[in-house]
Protein backbone atom coordinates (compact mmCIF):
# COMPACT_ATOMS: atom_id res chain seq x y z
CA MET A 1 -5.49 -20.28 -23.70
CA ASP A 2 -6.09 -22.41 -20.63
CA LEU A 3 -6.64 -21.11 -17.13
CA ILE A 4 -3.25 -22.31 -15.88
CA LYS A 5 -1.48 -20.34 -18.62
CA ILE A 6 -3.56 -17.23 -17.85
CA ALA A 7 -2.77 -17.56 -14.13
CA GLN A 8 0.95 -18.01 -14.85
CA GLU A 9 1.04 -14.93 -17.07
CA THR A 10 -0.82 -12.94 -14.42
CA PHE A 11 1.69 -13.96 -11.74
CA HIS A 12 4.61 -13.05 -14.03
CA THR A 13 3.06 -9.66 -14.79
CA GLU A 14 2.47 -8.93 -11.10
CA ALA A 15 5.96 -10.13 -10.14
CA ASP A 16 7.46 -7.82 -12.77
CA ALA A 17 5.45 -4.89 -11.39
CA LEU A 18 6.70 -5.62 -7.86
CA TYR A 19 10.29 -5.80 -9.12
CA LYS A 20 9.92 -2.43 -10.85
CA ALA A 21 8.37 -0.89 -7.73
CA ALA A 22 11.26 -2.20 -5.62
CA GLU A 23 13.75 -0.62 -8.02
CA ARG A 24 12.10 2.81 -7.58
CA LEU A 25 12.41 2.86 -3.78
CA ASP A 26 14.49 5.83 -2.66
CA GLN A 27 14.93 8.29 0.21
CA ASN A 28 11.29 9.35 -0.09
CA PHE A 29 10.27 5.86 1.01
CA LEU A 30 12.53 6.06 4.06
CA ASP A 31 11.24 9.55 4.86
CA ALA A 32 7.64 8.32 4.75
CA ILE A 33 8.44 5.40 7.06
CA SER A 34 10.22 7.74 9.45
CA LEU A 35 7.24 10.10 9.58
CA ILE A 36 4.84 7.22 10.22
CA LEU A 37 7.02 5.83 13.00
CA GLN A 38 7.30 9.28 14.63
CA THR A 39 3.54 9.81 14.68
CA LYS A 40 2.35 10.30 18.26
CA GLY A 41 -1.37 10.50 17.51
CA LYS A 42 -3.52 8.85 14.90
CA LEU A 43 -2.36 8.25 11.35
CA ILE A 44 -4.98 9.75 9.02
CA ILE A 45 -5.26 8.24 5.54
CA THR A 46 -7.48 9.68 2.82
CA GLY A 47 -8.25 9.06 -0.84
CA VAL A 48 -10.95 9.21 -3.49
CA GLY A 49 -12.05 6.46 -5.86
CA LYS A 50 -9.72 3.49 -6.15
CA SER A 51 -7.07 5.24 -4.04
CA GLY A 52 -9.77 5.62 -1.39
CA LEU A 53 -10.33 1.87 -1.35
CA VAL A 54 -6.57 1.33 -1.03
CA GLY A 55 -6.41 3.98 1.70
CA ALA A 56 -9.18 2.31 3.68
CA LYS A 57 -7.34 -1.00 3.47
CA MET A 58 -4.08 0.67 4.54
CA ALA A 59 -5.79 2.25 7.56
CA ALA A 60 -7.24 -1.12 8.56
CA THR A 61 -3.84 -2.79 8.17
CA PHE A 62 -2.05 -0.14 10.22
CA ALA A 63 -4.72 -0.38 12.93
CA SER A 64 -4.48 -4.17 13.05
CA THR A 65 -0.69 -3.99 13.49
CA GLY A 66 -0.80 -1.52 16.37
CA THR A 67 -0.56 1.86 14.62
CA SER A 68 -3.56 3.98 15.56
CA SER A 69 -5.08 5.04 12.24
CA PHE A 70 -8.29 5.69 10.37
CA PHE A 71 -9.53 6.45 6.88
CA LEU A 72 -11.05 9.89 6.27
CA HIS A 73 -13.38 10.21 3.28
CA PRO A 74 -12.97 13.73 1.84
């Protein structure tokens, strides 16, 4: 299998995962957004292992877009 074919299959797999994630959005998603928008202080994000890496990235993204936040390692 050539690299182009591997890359195409990877993109299709990731696109399918995004589609499935979009289909699962519900009121919980809106509730989470509402809570984040209502936050008056700092947004604290935590996680362990891979979720910790994702949490650290989320905190950095929130901070760079104007939402005061930080990652707390448990």
